Amino acid sequence: MGRGSGFGKVILFNEHFVVHGIPGIVSAMDSAADAKVKKLDKGGIIVRDERKRAKGYAEKKKIQQKESINRMLQVMEIDPKQISLDIWLGGNLPGFSGIGASAASSVAIARAMAEEFGMNLSDERINEIAYEAEKAYAGTPSGIDNTAATFGGLIWFKKNLEGGPNTIERLSIDKPVEIILANTGVVADTKQMVLGVAERKKKYPEKYNPFFKQAEELVFEARKVLEDFDLKKVGELMNESHSLLQGIEVSCKELDYLVKLARDQGAFGAKMTGGGGGGCIVALTPGKELQETVASTIEKEGFKVLRTKVGIKKS
């Protein structure tokens, strides 16, 4: 039996903007998807997804999950018509939109399949396979989710729009920092959100181009204050980032409500994270006490919350 795991991720700065070649900053979380893969004599491909998840997540993602596994098998040169597999998914990363659950599961499955089929694959190759799998969920993914899921840590990411290698730089901070992720309960379609931004940017360049310029300026400042470990300023820039994402119309009333709730409870900063249109917010809550204050208040409002940390490195 092959085993594998992949980190959940949180995009701290520039989701959506990264698709268009602007740098982004992403961090792995102290939460991961785990997978086990076992070859069977017959029965086709069976997926047993036992992750905790938002209501409706599994149903909406099931077709995409099937496509992603087929894409992985093809790029690994395994004929899905010639094999039968039992694939189990679990771990402490819930199936929420916006926290890289699909990328984490893709990395976990790729690693487990490689082990089961006796393939000695590098992290770089696992990352390439997971990127192919992510196309099922995101259409034309930036590559930022699967990179964080594979390598962990804090990453500066820039997509190469010419088709060459993406820029991936490891950033370092003094120590992992507590955050919370709060789920709106709305399952988002990342593929449609990405397409929507591209269409609106092309149709309304005079409105959208300034947001993209501001996002590029902001991310360079964010890199500096993260490396300086100036968490108050990091939080302020997260708030600005959310405003830019509202500007390109990927937030929603549920996300905005949770962002305000987290800030009102003392979070250093809060913003939507991921594709938008639902999914999750991330709030910067350094220290266990602040993390618990923000988390418990949001839970009392009936929302699911994940307490975790950013800056977690691959062991």
Protein backbone atom coordinates (compact mmCIF):
# COMPACT_ATOMS: atom_id res chain seq x y z
CA MET A 1 0.00 0.00 0.00
CA GLY A 2 1.30 3.43 -0.94
CA ARG A 3 0.97 6.41 1.39
CA GLY A 4 1.34 10.14 0.84
CA SER A 5 0.40 13.54 2.20
CA GLY A 6 0.08 17.12 0.99
CA PHE A 7 -0.11 20.38 2.92
CA GLY A 8 -3.11 22.63 2.94
CA LYS A 9 -2.31 26.16 1.90
CA VAL A 10 -3.42 29.67 2.49
CA ILE A 11 -2.76 32.41 -0.03
CA LEU A 12 -1.73 35.40 2.02
CA PHE A 13 -1.42 37.75 -0.94
CA ASN A 14 -2.59 37.90 -4.55
CA GLU A 15 -4.90 35.00 -5.34
CA HIS A 16 -6.29 35.60 -8.86
CA PHE A 17 -3.60 38.16 -9.60
CA VAL A 18 -1.00 35.35 -9.73
CA VAL A 19 -2.83 33.78 -12.67
CA HIS A 20 -1.87 36.89 -14.68
CA GLY A 21 1.83 36.86 -13.82
CA ILE A 22 1.84 39.06 -10.72
CA PRO A 23 3.77 37.59 -7.75
CA GLY A 24 1.89 36.04 -4.87
CA ILE A 25 2.76 34.82 -1.39
CA VAL A 26 1.43 31.48 -0.21
CA SER A 27 2.04 29.50 2.95
CA ALA A 28 1.60 25.87 3.83
CA MET A 29 -0.47 25.23 6.93
CA ASP A 30 -0.13 22.92 9.88
CA SER A 31 -2.91 20.81 8.34
CA ALA A 32 -2.63 18.18 5.62
CA ALA A 33 -4.48 15.71 3.43
CA ASP A 34 -3.39 12.08 3.69
CA ALA A 35 -3.87 9.38 1.06
CA LYS A 36 -3.50 5.62 0.80
CA VAL A 37 -3.51 3.81 -2.54
CA LYS A 38 -3.75 0.05 -3.01
CA LYS A 39 -3.85 -1.92 -6.26
CA LEU A 40 -6.88 -4.22 -6.62
CA ASP A 41 -7.51 -7.22 -8.86
CA LYS A 42 -10.74 -5.70 -10.20
CA GLY A 43 -13.41 -3.10 -9.53
CA GLY A 44 -12.10 -0.02 -11.29
CA ILE A 45 -11.05 3.05 -9.35
CA ILE A 46 -12.71 3.41 -5.95
CA VAL A 47 -12.32 6.66 -4.01
CA ARG A 48 -13.18 6.70 -0.30
CA ASP A 49 -13.09 10.32 0.78
CA GLU A 50 -13.31 10.48 4.57
CA ARG A 51 -12.18 14.09 5.03
CA LYS A 52 -14.29 16.45 7.10
CA ARG A 53 -15.83 18.87 4.65
CA ALA A 54 -18.29 21.65 4.09
CA LYS A 55 -21.82 20.58 3.22
CA GLY A 56 -22.05 20.03 -0.51
CA TYR A 57 -18.28 20.03 -1.06
CA ALA A 58 -17.94 16.36 -1.98
CA GLU A 59 -20.96 16.39 -4.29
CA LYS A 60 -19.79 19.44 -6.23
CA LYS A 61 -16.18 18.26 -6.44
CA LYS A 62 -16.78 14.58 -7.23
CA ILE A 63 -16.70 14.92 -11.04
CA GLN A 64 -13.64 17.16 -10.85
CA GLN A 65 -11.94 14.71 -8.49
CA LYS A 66 -12.48 11.85 -10.94
CA GLU A 67 -11.03 13.91 -13.78
CA SER A 68 -8.05 14.94 -11.64
CA ILE A 69 -7.18 11.31 -10.83
CA ASN A 70 -7.41 10.36 -14.51
CA ARG A 71 -5.11 13.26 -15.38
CA MET A 72 -2.61 12.10 -12.77
CA LEU A 73 -2.63 8.54 -14.05
CA GLN A 74 -2.09 9.66 -17.63
CA VAL A 75 0.86 11.91 -16.81
CA MET A 76 2.34 9.10 -14.70
CA GLU A 77 1.90 6.81 -17.74
CA ILE A 78 -0.51 4.51 -15.95
CA ASP A 79 -3.47 3.38 -18.07
CA PRO A 80 -6.62 3.87 -15.97
CA LYS A 81 -8.43 1.25 -18.10
CA GLN A 82 -5.88 -1.41 -17.22
CA ILE A 83 -5.85 -1.08 -13.43
CA SER A 84 -8.09 -1.12 -10.37
CA LEU A 85 -7.29 1.02 -7.35
CA ASP A 86 -8.61 1.67 -3.88
CA ILE A 87 -7.89 5.32 -2.98
CA TRP A 88 -8.51 6.52 0.57
CA LEU A 89 -8.42 10.19 1.56
CA GLY A 90 -8.26 11.55 5.11
CA GLY A 91 -6.10 13.77 7.28
CA ASN A 92 -6.74 16.87 9.38
CA LEU A 93 -7.25 19.24 6.45
CA PRO A 94 -11.00 19.64 5.88
CA GLY A 95 -12.57 19.74 2.44
CA PHE A 96 -13.27 23.47 2.31
CA SER A 97 -13.05 25.73 -0.73
CA GLY A 98 -10.15 28.16 -0.62
CA ILE A 99 -7.57 26.29 1.47
CA GLY A 100 -5.96 24.15 -1.22
CA ALA A 101 -7.88 21.00 -0.33
CA SER A 102 -7.87 19.78 -3.93
CA ALA A 103 -4.16 20.46 -4.40
CA ALA A 104 -3.29 18.84 -1.06
CA SER A 105 -5.28 15.73 -1.97
CA SER A 106 -3.69 15.65 -5.45
CA VAL A 107 -0.19 15.77 -3.96
CA ALA A 108 -1.12 13.13 -1.37
CA ILE A 109 -2.59 10.79 -4.01
CA ALA A 110 0.34 11.32 -6.39
CA ARG A 111 2.81 10.42 -3.64
CA ALA A 112 0.77 7.39 -2.59
CA MET A 113 0.41 6.16 -6.17
CA ALA A 114 4.13 6.63 -6.83
CA GLU A 115 4.93 4.52 -3.76
CA GLU A 116 2.40 1.82 -4.66
CA PHE A 117 3.74 1.56 -8.23
CA GLY A 118 7.38 1.62 -7.12
CA MET A 119 8.21 4.98 -8.67
CA ASN A 120 10.98 7.00 -7.04
CA LEU A 121 9.74 10.51 -7.85
CA SER A 122 11.27 13.80 -6.74
CA ASP A 123 9.20 16.53 -5.11
CA GLU A 124 9.59 18.51 -8.32
CA ARG A 125 7.97 15.70 -10.31
CA ILE A 126 5.20 15.25 -7.75
CA ASN A 127 4.53 18.98 -8.08
CA GLU A 128 4.25 18.67 -11.87
CA ILE A 129 1.79 15.77 -11.55
CA ALA A 130 -0.31 17.66 -8.99
CA TYR A 131 -0.39 20.71 -11.29
CA GLU A 132 -1.82 18.53 -14.05
CA ALA A 133 -4.44 17.23 -11.60
CA GLU A 134 -5.32 20.79 -10.55
CA LYS A 135 -6.48 21.56 -14.10
CA ALA A 136 -9.60 19.54 -13.32
CA TYR A 137 -10.48 21.92 -10.50
CA ALA A 138 -9.17 25.29 -11.73
CA GLY A 139 -9.04 25.13 -15.52
CA THR A 140 -5.76 27.01 -15.93
CA PRO A 141 -4.29 26.96 -12.42
CA SER A 142 -1.55 29.34 -11.38
CA GLY A 143 0.45 26.49 -9.83
CA ILE A 144 0.64 28.22 -6.47
CA ASP A 145 -1.61 25.72 -4.62
CA ASN A 146 0.16 22.54 -5.66
CA THR A 147 3.58 24.15 -5.02
CA ALA A 148 2.68 24.93 -1.41
CA ALA A 149 1.05 21.51 -0.99
CA THR A 150 4.22 19.80 -2.20
CA PHE A 151 7.03 21.80 -0.62
CA GLY A 152 5.52 23.44 2.46
CA GLY A 153 6.92 26.58 4.02
CA LEU A 154 6.35 30.16 2.91
CA ILE A 155 6.69 30.70 -0.82
CA TRP A 156 7.11 33.66 -3.17
CA PHE A 157 5.51 32.53 -6.41
CA LYS A 158 5.44 34.09 -9.88
CA LYS A 159 3.82 32.36 -12.82
CA ASN A 160 5.78 32.39 -16.09
CA LEU A 161 3.24 33.41 -18.71
CA GLU A 162 5.61 32.38 -21.51
CA GLY A 163 5.42 28.73 -20.51
CA GLY A 164 8.86 28.49 -18.87
CA PRO A 165 9.57 27.54 -15.26
CA ASN A 166 7.65 29.45 -12.62
CA THR A 167 9.57 31.49 -10.05
CA ILE A 168 9.50 29.73 -6.69
CA GLU A 169 11.46 31.27 -3.83
CA ARG A 170 11.45 30.07 -0.24
CA LEU A 171 10.82 32.84 2.25
CA SER A 172 11.52 32.51 5.95
CA ILE A 173 9.90 34.01 9.01
CA ASP A 174 11.02 33.89 12.62
CA LYS A 175 8.53 31.18 13.61
CA PRO A 176 5.15 29.74 12.58
CA VAL A 177 2.22 32.07 13.30
CA GLU A 178 -1.30 31.25 14.45
CA ILE A 179 -4.15 31.94 12.04
CA ILE A 180 -7.76 30.91 11.72
CA LEU A 181 -9.65 29.93 8.61
CA ALA A 182 -13.39 30.41 8.69
CA ASN A 183 -15.63 28.75 6.13
CA THR A 184 -18.63 30.55 4.65
CA GLY A 185 -20.38 27.27 3.92
CA VAL A 186 -20.64 28.33 0.27
CA VAL A 187 -18.86 25.89 -2.06
CA ALA A 188 -17.10 27.88 -4.75
CA ASP A 189 -16.27 26.92 -8.34
CA THR A 190 -12.66 28.06 -8.72
CA LYS A 191 -12.63 27.43 -12.46
CA GLN A 192 -15.56 29.79 -13.04
CA MET A 193 -14.14 32.45 -10.72
CA VAL A 194 -10.80 32.44 -12.57
CA LEU A 195 -12.54 32.66 -15.95
CA GLY A 196 -14.75 35.49 -14.70
CA VAL A 197 -11.79 37.63 -13.67
CA ALA A 198 -10.07 37.05 -17.02
CA GLU A 199 -13.20 38.00 -18.94
CA ARG A 200 -13.86 41.16 -16.91
CA LYS A 201 -10.21 42.25 -17.09
CA LYS A 202 -10.33 41.99 -20.86
CA LYS A 203 -13.69 43.75 -21.11
CA TYR A 204 -13.01 46.54 -18.58
CA PRO A 205 -9.24 47.21 -18.66
CA GLU A 206 -9.60 50.80 -17.44
CA LYS A 207 -11.30 49.51 -14.27
CA TYR A 208 -9.23 46.36 -13.69
CA ASN A 209 -5.68 47.41 -14.60
CA PRO A 210 -5.31 49.75 -11.59
CA PHE A 211 -6.23 46.90 -9.22
CA PHE A 212 -3.57 44.69 -10.79
CA LYS A 213 -0.95 47.45 -10.50
CA GLN A 214 -1.80 48.01 -6.82
CA ALA A 215 -1.64 44.26 -6.16
CA GLU A 216 1.88 44.11 -7.62
CA GLU A 217 3.08 47.03 -5.47
CA LEU A 218 1.44 45.60 -2.36
CA VAL A 219 3.00 42.13 -2.62
CA PHE A 220 6.57 43.47 -2.66
CA GLU A 221 5.85 45.44 0.51
CA ALA A 222 4.22 42.36 2.03
CA ARG A 223 7.32 40.29 1.36
CA LYS A 224 9.49 42.79 3.22
CA VAL A 225 7.27 43.07 6.29
CA LEU A 226 6.87 39.28 6.49
CA GLU A 227 10.62 38.79 6.44
CA ASP A 228 10.93 41.56 9.06
CA PHE A 229 8.24 39.73 11.08
CA ASP A 230 6.23 42.94 11.42
CA LEU A 231 2.93 41.16 11.98
CA LYS A 232 0.89 44.32 12.58
CA LYS A 233 1.88 45.61 9.15
CA VAL A 234 1.29 42.20 7.59
CA GLY A 235 -2.27 42.37 8.91
CA GLU A 236 -2.80 45.87 7.51
CA LEU A 237 -1.65 44.71 4.09
CA MET A 238 -3.98 41.69 4.27
CA ASN A 239 -6.84 44.13 4.80
CA GLU A 240 -5.73 46.12 1.75
CA SER A 241 -5.47 42.90 -0.25
CA HIS A 242 -9.08 42.05 0.56
CA SER A 243 -10.18 45.44 -0.74
CA LEU A 244 -8.42 44.73 -4.04
CA LEU A 245 -10.14 41.35 -4.30
CA GLN A 246 -13.46 43.05 -3.68
CA GLY A 247 -12.52 45.41 -6.51
CA ILE A 248 -12.12 42.56 -9.00
CA GLU A 249 -15.45 41.13 -7.83
CA VAL A 250 -14.41 37.80 -6.33
CA SER A 251 -15.57 38.38 -2.78
CA CYS A 252 -19.17 37.90 -1.63
CA LYS A 253 -21.35 39.05 1.26
CA GLU A 254 -20.55 35.96 3.35
CA LEU A 255 -16.80 36.48 2.97
CA ASP A 256 -17.09 40.20 3.75
CA TYR A 257 -19.16 39.43 6.85
CA LEU A 258 -16.55 37.00 8.21
CA VAL A 259 -13.69 39.39 7.42
CA LYS A 260 -15.37 42.15 9.43
CA LEU A 261 -16.22 39.79 12.29
CA ALA A 262 -12.60 38.63 12.59
CA ARG A 263 -11.24 42.18 12.50
CA ASP A 264 -13.77 43.31 15.10
CA GLN A 265 -12.49 40.58 17.45
CA GLY A 266 -8.92 41.84 17.22
CA ALA A 267 -7.41 39.92 14.31
CA PHE A 268 -4.35 41.77 13.00
CA GLY A 269 -5.82 41.44 9.50
CA ALA A 270 -8.34 39.36 7.59
CA LYS A 271 -9.15 38.66 3.95
CA MET A 272 -10.74 36.10 1.69
CA THR A 273 -8.38 33.38 0.55
CA GLY A 274 -8.51 31.20 -2.54
CA GLY A 275 -10.84 31.46 -5.51
CA GLY A 276 -13.55 33.48 -3.79
CA GLY A 277 -17.30 33.46 -4.38
CA GLY A 278 -17.51 31.47 -1.13
CA GLY A 279 -14.95 29.28 0.56
CA CYS A 280 -12.86 30.72 3.36
CA ILE A 281 -11.34 33.76 4.95
CA VAL A 282 -7.97 33.83 6.67
CA ALA A 283 -7.39 35.92 9.78
CA LEU A 284 -3.97 36.66 11.25
CA THR A 285 -4.24 35.87 14.97
CA PRO A 286 -0.76 35.61 16.55
CA GLY A 287 -0.79 33.78 19.87
CA LYS A 288 -3.14 31.06 21.14
CA GLU A 289 -5.27 33.51 23.12
CA LEU A 290 -6.13 35.80 20.20
CA GLN A 291 -6.60 32.80 17.92
CA GLU A 292 -9.13 31.29 20.32
CA THR A 293 -10.98 34.59 20.86
CA VAL A 294 -11.52 35.09 17.13
CA ALA A 295 -12.24 31.42 16.42
CA SER A 296 -14.79 30.93 19.19
CA THR A 297 -16.68 34.12 18.30
CA ILE A 298 -17.03 33.01 14.68
CA GLU A 299 -18.07 29.52 15.72
CA LYS A 300 -20.82 31.00 17.89
CA GLU A 301 -22.19 32.55 14.69
CA GLY A 302 -22.54 29.04 13.26
CA PHE A 303 -19.49 28.92 10.96
CA LYS A 304 -16.86 26.16 10.76
CA VAL A 305 -13.38 27.27 11.84
CA LEU A 306 -9.95 25.73 11.41
CA ARG A 307 -7.26 26.71 13.92
CA THR A 308 -3.84 26.29 12.37
CA LYS A 309 -0.50 27.98 11.70
CA VAL A 310 1.31 29.36 8.66
CA GLY A 311 4.99 29.02 7.90
CA ILE A 312 5.05 25.25 8.41
CA LYS A 313 7.95 23.59 6.59
CA LYS A 314 8.23 20.15 5.03
CA SER A 315 10.01 17.86 7.50
